[in-house]
């Protein structure tokens, strides 16, 4: 039986880092609004953009994971 030379791992760290940045961008205005109530307009912009980015992030992760799994499937 031939052993695989190197089984690469899925780059989850890239996606977790991107998710942290997306969440920070989305949640930051909520904390800023507590400090200054005049910044409420930021919620109108960042909340929809953040939700859209989360949806795109989920789609990209799913597609990449499926493609990566098919590419790294062990041959019989």
PDB file of N, CA and C in Angstrom:
ATOM      1  N   UNK A   1       0.839  -1.172   0.000  1.00  0.00           N
ATOM      2  CA  UNK A   1       0.000   0.000   0.000  1.00  0.00           C
ATOM      3  C   UNK A   1       0.887   1.239   0.000  1.00  0.00           C
ATOM      4  N   UNK A   2       0.547   2.187  -0.844  1.00  0.00           N
ATOM      5  CA  UNK A   2       1.326   3.413  -0.962  1.00  0.00           C
ATOM      6  C   UNK A   2       0.747   4.458  -0.014  1.00  0.00           C
ATOM      7  N   UNK A   3       1.613   5.008   0.820  1.00  0.00           N
ATOM      8  CA  UNK A   3       1.207   6.045   1.762  1.00  0.00           C
ATOM      9  C   UNK A   3       1.285   7.402   1.065  1.00  0.00           C
ATOM     10  N   UNK A   4       0.343   8.306   1.336  1.00  0.00           N
ATOM     11  CA  UNK A   4       0.456   9.643   0.749  1.00  0.00           C
ATOM     12  C   UNK A   4       1.661  10.372   1.336  1.00  0.00           C
ATOM     13  N   UNK A   5       2.328  11.121   0.480  1.00  0.00           N
ATOM     14  CA  UNK A   5       3.533  11.826   0.905  1.00  0.00           C
ATOM     15  C   UNK A   5       3.182  12.914   1.917  1.00  0.00           C
ATOM     16  N   UNK A   6       2.238  13.755   1.570  1.00  0.00           N
ATOM     17  CA  UNK A   6       1.858  14.838   2.479  1.00  0.00           C
ATOM     18  C   UNK A   6       0.387  15.148   2.255  1.00  0.00           C
ATOM     19  N   UNK A   7      -0.393  14.981   3.290  1.00  0.00           N
ATOM     20  CA  UNK A   7      -1.815  15.290   3.209  1.00  0.00           C
ATOM     21  C   UNK A   7      -1.995  16.732   3.668  1.00  0.00           C
ATOM     22  N   UNK A   8      -2.311  17.616   2.751  1.00  0.00           N
ATOM     23  CA  UNK A   8      -2.460  19.026   3.121  1.00  0.00           C
ATOM     24  C   UNK A   8      -3.746  19.233   3.909  1.00  0.00           C
ATOM     25  N   UNK A   9      -3.695  20.228   4.777  1.00  0.00           N
ATOM     26  CA  UNK A   9      -4.845  20.539   5.606  1.00  0.00           C
ATOM     27  C   UNK A   9      -5.591  21.731   5.024  1.00  0.00           C
ATOM     28  N   UNK A  10      -6.880  21.766   5.257  1.00  0.00           N
ATOM     29  CA  UNK A  10      -7.690  22.887   4.786  1.00  0.00           C
ATOM     30  C   UNK A  10      -7.288  24.149   5.548  1.00  0.00           C
ATOM     31  N   UNK A  11      -7.123  25.279   4.860  1.00  0.00           N
ATOM     32  CA  UNK A  11      -6.637  26.509   5.515  1.00  0.00           C
ATOM     33  C   UNK A  11      -7.730  27.238   6.308  1.00  0.00           C
ATOM     34  N   UNK A  12      -8.171  26.620   7.372  1.00  0.00           N
ATOM     35  CA  UNK A  12      -9.219  27.223   8.189  1.00  0.00           C
ATOM     36  C   UNK A  12      -8.789  28.547   8.798  1.00  0.00           C
ATOM     37  N   UNK A  13      -7.499  28.700   9.122  1.00  0.00           N
ATOM     38  CA  UNK A  13      -7.049  29.921   9.786  1.00  0.00           C
ATOM     39  C   UNK A  13      -7.332  31.159   8.950  1.00  0.00           C
ATOM     40  N   UNK A  14      -7.280  31.029   7.638  1.00  0.00           N
ATOM     41  CA  UNK A  14      -7.561  32.160   6.759  1.00  0.00           C
ATOM     42  C   UNK A  14      -9.024  32.580   6.904  1.00  0.00           C
ATOM     43  N   UNK A  15      -9.907  31.589   6.929  1.00  0.00           N
ATOM     44  CA  UNK A  15     -11.332  31.885   7.014  1.00  0.00           C
ATOM     45  C   UNK A  15     -11.733  32.380   8.398  1.00  0.00           C
ATOM     46  N   UNK A  16     -11.131  31.843   9.447  1.00  0.00           N
ATOM     47  CA  UNK A  16     -11.439  32.329  10.797  1.00  0.00           C
ATOM     48  C   UNK A  16     -10.948  33.754  10.972  1.00  0.00           C
ATOM     49  N   UNK A  17      -9.793  34.081  10.412  1.00  0.00           N
ATOM     50  CA  UNK A  17      -9.285  35.454  10.486  1.00  0.00           C
ATOM     51  C   UNK A  17     -10.211  36.414   9.741  1.00  0.00           C
ATOM     52  N   UNK A  18     -10.642  36.025   8.552  1.00  0.00           N
ATOM     53  CA  UNK A  18     -11.571  36.866   7.785  1.00  0.00           C
ATOM     54  C   UNK A  18     -12.884  37.040   8.535  1.00  0.00           C
ATOM     55  N   UNK A  19     -13.370  35.975   9.177  1.00  0.00           N
ATOM     56  CA  UNK A  19     -14.615  36.065   9.936  1.00  0.00           C
ATOM     57  C   UNK A  19     -14.480  37.035  11.108  1.00  0.00           C
ATOM     58  N   UNK A  20     -13.356  37.019  11.785  1.00  0.00           N
ATOM     59  CA  UNK A  20     -13.138  37.936  12.901  1.00  0.00           C
ATOM     60  C   UNK A  20     -13.155  39.390  12.417  1.00  0.00           C
ATOM     61  N   UNK A  21     -12.526  39.656  11.278  1.00  0.00           N
ATOM     62  CA  UNK A  21     -12.538  41.010  10.734  1.00  0.00           C
ATOM     63  C   UNK A  21     -13.943  41.440  10.312  1.00  0.00           C
ATOM     64  N   UNK A  22     -14.690  40.531   9.708  1.00  0.00           N
ATOM     65  CA  UNK A  22     -16.063  40.845   9.300  1.00  0.00           C
ATOM     66  C   UNK A  22     -16.920  41.156  10.524  1.00  0.00           C
ATOM     67  N   UNK A  23     -16.809  40.331  11.553  1.00  0.00           N
ATOM     68  CA  UNK A  23     -17.600  40.560  12.761  1.00  0.00           C
ATOM     69  C   UNK A  23     -17.188  41.849  13.469  1.00  0.00           C
ATOM     70  N   UNK A  24     -15.897  42.137  13.488  1.00  0.00           N
ATOM     71  CA  UNK A  24     -15.432  43.381  14.110  1.00  0.00           C
ATOM     72  C   UNK A  24     -15.977  44.594  13.358  1.00  0.00           C
ATOM     73  N   UNK A  25     -15.985  44.532  12.031  1.00  0.00           N
ATOM     74  CA  UNK A  25     -16.523  45.611  11.205  1.00  0.00           C
ATOM     75  C   UNK A  25     -18.018  45.786  11.443  1.00  0.00           C
ATOM     76  N   UNK A  26     -18.723  44.687  11.628  1.00  0.00           N
ATOM     77  CA  UNK A  26     -20.167  44.732  11.800  1.00  0.00           C
ATOM     78  C   UNK A  26     -20.569  45.184  13.202  1.00  0.00           C
ATOM     79  N   UNK A  27     -19.851  44.741  14.211  1.00  0.00           N
ATOM     80  CA  UNK A  27     -20.240  44.993  15.598  1.00  0.00           C
ATOM     81  C   UNK A  27     -19.676  46.309  16.144  1.00  0.00           C
ATOM     82  N   UNK A  28     -18.587  46.802  15.606  1.00  0.00           N
ATOM     83  CA  UNK A  28     -17.929  47.999  16.134  1.00  0.00           C
ATOM     84  C   UNK A  28     -18.866  49.201  16.284  1.00  0.00           C
ATOM     85  N   UNK A  29     -19.723  49.500  15.309  1.00  0.00           N
ATOM     86  CA  UNK A  29     -20.598  50.671  15.485  1.00  0.00           C
ATOM     87  C   UNK A  29     -21.549  50.558  16.678  1.00  0.00           C
ATOM     88  N   UNK A  30     -21.927  49.362  17.070  1.00  0.00           N
ATOM     89  CA  UNK A  30     -22.791  49.212  18.238  1.00  0.00           C
ATOM     90  C   UNK A  30     -22.086  49.721  19.496  1.00  0.00           C
ATOM     91  N   UNK A  31     -20.814  49.414  19.614  1.00  0.00           N
ATOM     92  CA  UNK A  31     -20.046  49.874  20.766  1.00  0.00           C
ATOM     93  C   UNK A  31     -19.716  51.364  20.659  1.00  0.00           C
ATOM     94  N   UNK A  32     -19.475  51.847  19.453  1.00  0.00           N
ATOM     95  CA  UNK A  32     -19.206  53.267  19.265  1.00  0.00           C
ATOM     96  C   UNK A  32     -20.451  54.108  19.533  1.00  0.00           C
ATOM     97  N   UNK A  33     -21.635  53.561  19.237  1.00  0.00           N
ATOM     98  CA  UNK A  33     -22.867  54.288  19.445  1.00  0.00           C
ATOM     99  C   UNK A  33     -23.130  54.526  20.933  1.00  0.00           C
ATOM    100  N   UNK A  34     -22.660  53.604  21.773  1.00  0.00           N
ATOM    101  CA  UNK A  34     -22.802  53.787  23.209  1.00  0.00           C
ATOM    102  C   UNK A  34     -21.992  55.000  23.658  1.00  0.00           C
ATOM    103  N   UNK A  35     -20.821  55.189  23.072  1.00  0.00           N
ATOM    104  CA  UNK A  35     -19.957  56.302  23.437  1.00  0.00           C
ATOM    105  C   UNK A  35     -20.467  57.626  22.855  1.00  0.00           C
ATOM    106  N   UNK A  36     -21.003  57.593  21.636  1.00  0.00           N
ATOM    107  CA  UNK A  36     -21.462  58.808  20.966  1.00  0.00           C
ATOM    108  C   UNK A  36     -22.731  58.472  20.190  1.00  0.00           C
ATOM    109  N   UNK A  37     -23.855  58.981  20.635  1.00  0.00           N
ATOM    110  CA  UNK A  37     -25.135  58.610  20.006  1.00  0.00           C
ATOM    111  C   UNK A  37     -25.276  59.159  18.586  1.00  0.00           C
ATOM    112  N   UNK A  38     -24.436  60.080  18.174  1.00  0.00           N
ATOM    113  CA  UNK A  38     -24.499  60.633  16.827  1.00  0.00           C
ATOM    114  C   UNK A  38     -23.972  59.680  15.769  1.00  0.00           C
ATOM    115  N   UNK A  39     -23.386  58.580  16.170  1.00  0.00           N
ATOM    116  CA  UNK A  39     -22.820  57.626  15.205  1.00  0.00           C
ATOM    117  C   UNK A  39     -23.818  56.553  14.794  1.00  0.00           C
ATOM    118  N   UNK A  40     -25.067  56.730  15.089  1.00  0.00           N
ATOM    119  CA  UNK A  40     -26.088  55.737  14.727  1.00  0.00           C
ATOM    120  C   UNK A  40     -26.196  55.510  13.233  1.00  0.00           C
ATOM    121  N   UNK A  41     -25.813  56.508  12.448  1.00  0.00           N
ATOM    122  CA  UNK A  41     -25.868  56.370  10.987  1.00  0.00           C
ATOM    123  C   UNK A  41     -24.937  55.263  10.498  1.00  0.00           C
ATOM    124  N   UNK A  42     -23.873  54.993  11.251  1.00  0.00           N
ATOM    125  CA  UNK A  42     -22.956  53.911  10.858  1.00  0.00           C
ATOM    126  C   UNK A  42     -23.657  52.557  10.858  1.00  0.00           C
ATOM    127  N   UNK A  43     -24.642  52.395  11.738  1.00  0.00           N
ATOM    128  CA  UNK A  43     -25.367  51.125  11.777  1.00  0.00           C
ATOM    129  C   UNK A  43     -26.127  50.868  10.488  1.00  0.00           C
ATOM    130  N   UNK A  44     -26.602  51.944   9.877  1.00  0.00           N
ATOM    131  CA  UNK A  44     -27.359  51.795   8.631  1.00  0.00           C
ATOM    132  C   UNK A  44     -26.459  51.255   7.520  1.00  0.00           C
ATOM    133  N   UNK A  45     -25.186  51.570   7.589  1.00  0.00           N
ATOM    134  CA  UNK A  45     -24.251  51.136   6.551  1.00  0.00           C
ATOM    135  C   UNK A  45     -23.593  49.804   6.907  1.00  0.00           C
ATOM    136  N   UNK A  46     -23.052  49.702   8.109  1.00  0.00           N
ATOM    137  CA  UNK A  46     -22.243  48.528   8.436  1.00  0.00           C
ATOM    138  C   UNK A  46     -23.056  47.274   8.703  1.00  0.00           C
ATOM    139  N   UNK A  47     -24.256  47.405   9.232  1.00  0.00           N
ATOM    140  CA  UNK A  47     -25.054  46.205   9.517  1.00  0.00           C
ATOM    141  C   UNK A  47     -25.403  45.440   8.236  1.00  0.00           C
ATOM    142  N   UNK A  48     -25.970  46.083   7.205  1.00  0.00           N
ATOM    143  CA  UNK A  48     -26.252  45.339   5.968  1.00  0.00           C
ATOM    144  C   UNK A  48     -24.987  44.839   5.267  1.00  0.00           C
ATOM    145  N   UNK A  49     -23.935  45.668   5.265  1.00  0.00           N
ATOM    146  CA  UNK A  49     -22.686  45.221   4.641  1.00  0.00           C
ATOM    147  C   UNK A  49     -22.104  44.022   5.381  1.00  0.00           C
ATOM    148  N   UNK A  50     -22.158  44.056   6.699  1.00  0.00           N
ATOM    149  CA  UNK A  50     -21.651  42.935   7.491  1.00  0.00           C
ATOM    150  C   UNK A  50     -22.452  41.668   7.253  1.00  0.00           C
ATOM    151  N   UNK A  51     -23.771  41.783   7.198  1.00  0.00           N
ATOM    152  CA  UNK A  51     -24.607  40.603   6.942  1.00  0.00           C
ATOM    153  C   UNK A  51     -24.340  40.040   5.544  1.00  0.00           C
ATOM    154  N   UNK A  52     -24.197  40.927   4.576  1.00  0.00           N
ATOM    155  CA  UNK A  52     -23.873  40.468   3.226  1.00  0.00           C
ATOM    156  C   UNK A  52     -22.514  39.792   3.176  1.00  0.00           C
ATOM    157  N   UNK A  53     -21.556  40.365   3.895  1.00  0.00           N
ATOM    158  CA  UNK A  53     -20.218  39.762   3.935  1.00  0.00           C
ATOM    159  C   UNK A  53     -20.249  38.397   4.616  1.00  0.00           C
ATOM    160  N   UNK A  54     -21.068  38.234   5.639  1.00  0.00           N
ATOM    161  CA  UNK A  54     -21.183  36.930   6.297  1.00  0.00           C
ATOM    162  C   UNK A  54     -21.775  35.882   5.361  1.00  0.00           C
ATOM    163  N   UNK A  55     -22.756  36.287   4.576  1.00  0.00           N
ATOM    164  CA  UNK A  55     -23.347  35.354   3.608  1.00  0.00           C
ATOM    165  C   UNK A  55     -22.322  34.961   2.560  1.00  0.00           C
ATOM    166  N   UNK A  56     -21.604  35.947   2.015  1.00  0.00           N
ATOM    167  CA  UNK A  56     -20.562  35.661   1.013  1.00  0.00           C
ATOM    168  C   UNK A  56     -19.473  34.782   1.622  1.00  0.00           C
ATOM    169  N   UNK A  57     -19.067  35.071   2.864  1.00  0.00           N
ATOM    170  CA  UNK A  57     -18.056  34.271   3.560  1.00  0.00           C
ATOM    171  C   UNK A  57     -18.503  32.819   3.654  1.00  0.00           C
ATOM    172  N   UNK A  58     -19.738  32.591   4.048  1.00  0.00           N
ATOM    173  CA  UNK A  58     -20.255  31.223   4.170  1.00  0.00           C
ATOM    174  C   UNK A  58     -20.278  30.488   2.844  1.00  0.00           C
ATOM    175  N   UNK A  59     -20.675  31.173   1.782  1.00  0.00           N
ATOM    176  CA  UNK A  59     -20.710  30.556   0.458  1.00  0.00           C
ATOM    177  C   UNK A  59     -19.300  30.216  -0.008  1.00  0.00           C
ATOM    178  N   UNK A  60     -18.366  31.148   0.174  1.00  0.00           N
ATOM    179  CA  UNK A  60     -16.980  30.912  -0.259  1.00  0.00           C
ATOM    180  C   UNK A  60     -16.358  29.754   0.516  1.00  0.00           C
ATOM    181  N   UNK A  61     -16.579  29.713   1.837  1.00  0.00           N
ATOM    182  CA  UNK A  61     -16.027  28.620   2.647  1.00  0.00           C
ATOM    183  C   UNK A  61     -16.598  27.283   2.185  1.00  0.00           C
ATOM    184  N   UNK A  62     -17.906  27.234   1.948  1.00  0.00           N
ATOM    185  CA  UNK A  62     -18.539  25.990   1.524  1.00  0.00           C
ATOM    186  C   UNK A  62     -18.006  25.514   0.179  1.00  0.00           C
ATOM    187  N   UNK A  63     -17.935  26.417  -0.784  1.00  0.00           N
ATOM    188  CA  UNK A  63     -17.448  26.035  -2.116  1.00  0.00           C
ATOM    189  C   UNK A  63     -15.986  25.608  -2.062  1.00  0.00           C
ATOM    190  N   UNK A  64     -15.161  26.365  -1.341  1.00  0.00           N
ATOM    191  CA  UNK A  64     -13.744  26.020  -1.250  1.00  0.00           C
ATOM    192  C   UNK A  64     -13.550  24.678  -0.551  1.00  0.00           C
ATOM    193  N   UNK A  65     -14.303  24.449   0.516  1.00  0.00           N
ATOM    194  CA  UNK A  65     -14.173  23.185   1.262  1.00  0.00           C
ATOM    195  C   UNK A  65     -14.596  21.994   0.403  1.00  0.00           C
ATOM    196  N   UNK A  66     -15.681  22.139  -0.343  1.00  0.00           N
ATOM    197  CA  UNK A  66     -16.122  21.049  -1.219  1.00  0.00           C
ATOM    198  C   UNK A  66     -15.095  20.785  -2.322  1.00  0.00           C
ATOM    199  N   UNK A  67     -14.586  21.846  -2.942  1.00  0.00           N
ATOM    200  CA  UNK A  67     -13.589  21.677  -4.002  1.00  0.00           C
ATOM    201  C   UNK A  67     -12.302  21.092  -3.438  1.00  0.00           C
ATOM    202  N   UNK A  68     -11.885  21.549  -2.274  1.00  0.00           N
ATOM    203  CA  UNK A  68     -10.672  21.036  -1.641  1.00  0.00           C
ATOM    204  C   UNK A  68     -10.835  19.558  -1.294  1.00  0.00           C
ATOM    205  N   UNK A  69     -12.010  19.186  -0.804  1.00  0.00           N
ATOM    206  CA  UNK A  69     -12.256  17.784  -0.462  1.00  0.00           C
ATOM    207  C   UNK A  69     -12.227  16.882  -1.685  1.00  0.00           C
ATOM    208  N   UNK A  70     -12.775  17.356  -2.779  1.00  0.00           N
ATOM    209  CA  UNK A  70     -12.744  16.551  -4.017  1.00  0.00           C
ATOM    210  C   UNK A  70     -11.333  16.447  -4.572  1.00  0.00           C
ATOM    211  N   UNK A  71     -10.575  17.518  -4.446  1.00  0.00           N
ATOM    212  CA  UNK A  71      -9.206  17.518  -4.964  1.00  0.00           C
ATOM    213  C   UNK A  71      -8.300  16.606  -4.139  1.00  0.00           C
ATOM    214  N   UNK A  72      -8.500  16.566  -2.841  1.00  0.00           N
ATOM    215  CA  UNK A  72      -7.625  15.787  -1.960  1.00  0.00           C
ATOM    216  C   UNK A  72      -8.196  14.418  -1.600  1.00  0.00           C
ATOM    217  N   UNK A  73      -9.196  13.984  -2.343  1.00  0.00           N
ATOM    218  CA  UNK A  73      -9.760  12.663  -2.070  1.00  0.00           C
ATOM    219  C   UNK A  73      -8.733  11.593  -2.426  1.00  0.00           C
ATOM    220  N   UNK A  74      -8.510  10.650  -1.508  1.00  0.00           N
ATOM    221  CA  UNK A  74      -7.530   9.604  -1.819  1.00  0.00           C
ATOM    222  C   UNK A  74      -8.018   8.734  -2.964  1.00  0.00           C
ATOM    223  N   UNK A  75      -7.111   8.425  -3.853  1.00  0.00           N
ATOM    224  CA  UNK A  75      -7.478   7.567  -4.995  1.00  0.00           C
ATOM    225  C   UNK A  75      -7.479   6.106  -4.556  1.00  0.00           C
ATOM    226  N   UNK A  76      -8.401   5.316  -5.099  1.00  0.00           N
ATOM    227  CA  UNK A  76      -8.486   3.897  -4.688  1.00  0.00           C
ATOM    228  C   UNK A  76      -7.363   3.040  -5.208  1.00  0.00           C
TER     229      UNK A  76
END
